[in-house]
Amino acid sequence: MDVMPVDQFLDRCVEGDRIVRCPNCQRINVGQVAPKYFYCSDCFIEMKLGEKITFYELDENGELACLDDIFYT
């Protein structure tokens, strides 16, 4: 079984300038919280859409912690 390249996989989650499917859980409960920022209400991941998708989660201090080291390894 062939593994889909990361870029091709992430492209399936983006339509135009919106993230329409969460790349983490593959569900469609993604809403826009600010320009270029999106939030999945199923897995609680925040994402920023740029040249690539940057992933964040809220830490216990209420600050965004980058998760790219988990998603892009």
C-alpha atoms as a PDB file:
ATOM      1  CA  MET A   1       0.000   0.000   0.000  1.00  0.00           C
ATOM      2  CA  ASP A   2       1.433   3.366  -1.041  1.00  0.00           C
ATOM      3  CA  VAL A   3       1.524   6.230   1.443  1.00  0.00           C
ATOM      4  CA  MET A   4       0.152   9.559   0.212  1.00  0.00           C
ATOM      5  CA  PRO A   5       2.732  12.402   0.292  1.00  0.00           C
ATOM      6  CA  VAL A   6       2.113  14.977   3.040  1.00  0.00           C
ATOM      7  CA  ASP A   7       1.652  17.855   0.573  1.00  0.00           C
ATOM      8  CA  GLN A   8      -0.959  15.943  -1.406  1.00  0.00           C
ATOM      9  CA  PHE A   9      -2.738  14.894   1.809  1.00  0.00           C
ATOM     10  CA  LEU A  10      -2.888  18.472   3.131  1.00  0.00           C
ATOM     11  CA  ASP A  11      -4.098  19.786  -0.247  1.00  0.00           C
ATOM     12  CA  ARG A  12      -7.178  17.575   0.121  1.00  0.00           C
ATOM     13  CA  CYS A  13      -8.070  19.508   3.299  1.00  0.00           C
ATOM     14  CA  VAL A  14      -7.850  22.987   1.729  1.00  0.00           C
ATOM     15  CA  GLU A  15     -10.234  24.666  -0.713  1.00  0.00           C
ATOM     16  CA  GLY A  16      -9.095  28.088  -1.862  1.00  0.00           C
ATOM     17  CA  ASP A  17      -8.153  30.078   1.228  1.00  0.00           C
ATOM     18  CA  ARG A  18     -10.059  27.868   3.702  1.00  0.00           C
ATOM     19  CA  ILE A  19      -9.343  24.669   5.580  1.00  0.00           C
ATOM     20  CA  VAL A  20     -12.475  22.577   5.040  1.00  0.00           C
ATOM     21  CA  ARG A  21     -11.357  19.280   6.593  1.00  0.00           C
ATOM     22  CA  CYS A  22      -9.142  18.851   9.638  1.00  0.00           C
ATOM     23  CA  PRO A  23      -5.829  17.282   8.611  1.00  0.00           C
ATOM     24  CA  ASN A  24      -5.547  15.737  12.077  1.00  0.00           C
ATOM     25  CA  CYS A  25      -8.900  13.968  12.570  1.00  0.00           C
ATOM     26  CA  GLN A  26     -10.304  14.233   8.999  1.00  0.00           C
ATOM     27  CA  ARG A  27     -13.626  15.659  10.217  1.00  0.00           C
ATOM     28  CA  ILE A  28     -15.353  18.699   8.757  1.00  0.00           C
ATOM     29  CA  ASN A  29     -16.098  20.637  11.974  1.00  0.00           C
ATOM     30  CA  VAL A  30     -13.555  23.332  11.131  1.00  0.00           C
ATOM     31  CA  GLY A  31     -14.399  26.980  11.659  1.00  0.00           C
ATOM     32  CA  GLN A  32     -12.541  30.184  10.942  1.00  0.00           C
ATOM     33  CA  VAL A  33     -11.498  32.127  14.060  1.00  0.00           C
ATOM     34  CA  ALA A  34      -9.459  34.885  12.372  1.00  0.00           C
ATOM     35  CA  PRO A  35      -8.077  35.606   8.912  1.00  0.00           C
ATOM     36  CA  LYS A  36      -6.017  32.523   7.930  1.00  0.00           C
ATOM     37  CA  TYR A  37      -6.676  30.859  11.347  1.00  0.00           C
ATOM     38  CA  PHE A  38      -8.998  27.866  11.721  1.00  0.00           C
ATOM     39  CA  TYR A  39     -10.086  25.673  14.634  1.00  0.00           C
ATOM     40  CA  CYS A  40     -11.270  22.060  14.709  1.00  0.00           C
ATOM     41  CA  SER A  41     -13.934  21.624  17.379  1.00  0.00           C
ATOM     42  CA  ASP A  42     -13.520  17.835  17.303  1.00  0.00           C
ATOM     43  CA  CYS A  43      -9.802  17.516  18.119  1.00  0.00           C
ATOM     44  CA  PHE A  44      -9.220  21.063  19.516  1.00  0.00           C
ATOM     45  CA  ILE A  45      -6.375  21.928  17.132  1.00  0.00           C
ATOM     46  CA  GLU A  46      -5.881  25.448  15.800  1.00  0.00           C
ATOM     47  CA  MET A  47      -4.355  25.812  12.344  1.00  0.00           C
ATOM     48  CA  LYS A  48      -2.840  28.695  10.396  1.00  0.00           C
ATOM     49  CA  LEU A  49      -3.041  28.529   6.614  1.00  0.00           C
ATOM     50  CA  GLY A  50       0.009  29.851   4.786  1.00  0.00           C
ATOM     51  CA  GLU A  51       2.407  28.181   2.375  1.00  0.00           C
ATOM     52  CA  LYS A  52       1.876  25.174   4.633  1.00  0.00           C
ATOM     53  CA  ILE A  53      -0.562  24.476   7.454  1.00  0.00           C
ATOM     54  CA  THR A  54       0.894  25.318  10.868  1.00  0.00           C
ATOM     55  CA  PHE A  55      -0.662  23.434  13.789  1.00  0.00           C
ATOM     56  CA  TYR A  56      -1.194  24.775  17.325  1.00  0.00           C
ATOM     57  CA  GLU A  57      -2.864  23.804  20.575  1.00  0.00           C
ATOM     58  CA  LEU A  58      -3.708  25.904  23.604  1.00  0.00           C
ATOM     59  CA  ASP A  59      -1.417  25.133  26.525  1.00  0.00           C
ATOM     60  CA  GLU A  60      -2.369  25.431  30.192  1.00  0.00           C
ATOM     61  CA  ASN A  61      -1.359  29.139  30.187  1.00  0.00           C
ATOM     62  CA  GLY A  62      -3.749  29.914  27.333  1.00  0.00           C
ATOM     63  CA  GLU A  63      -0.913  30.428  24.856  1.00  0.00           C
ATOM     64  CA  LEU A  64      -0.620  28.766  21.473  1.00  0.00           C
ATOM     65  CA  ALA A  65       1.962  25.984  21.387  1.00  0.00           C
ATOM     66  CA  CYS A  66       3.227  24.990  17.944  1.00  0.00           C
ATOM     67  CA  LEU A  67       2.761  21.314  17.066  1.00  0.00           C
ATOM     68  CA  ASP A  68       4.654  21.270  13.766  1.00  0.00           C
ATOM     69  CA  ASP A  69       7.354  19.019  15.220  1.00  0.00           C
ATOM     70  CA  ILE A  70       4.656  16.344  15.610  1.00  0.00           C
ATOM     71  CA  PHE A  71       2.968  16.825  12.236  1.00  0.00           C
ATOM     72  CA  TYR A  72       6.050  17.369  10.058  1.00  0.00           C
ATOM     73  CA  THR A  73       8.540  14.718  11.179  1.00  0.00           C
END
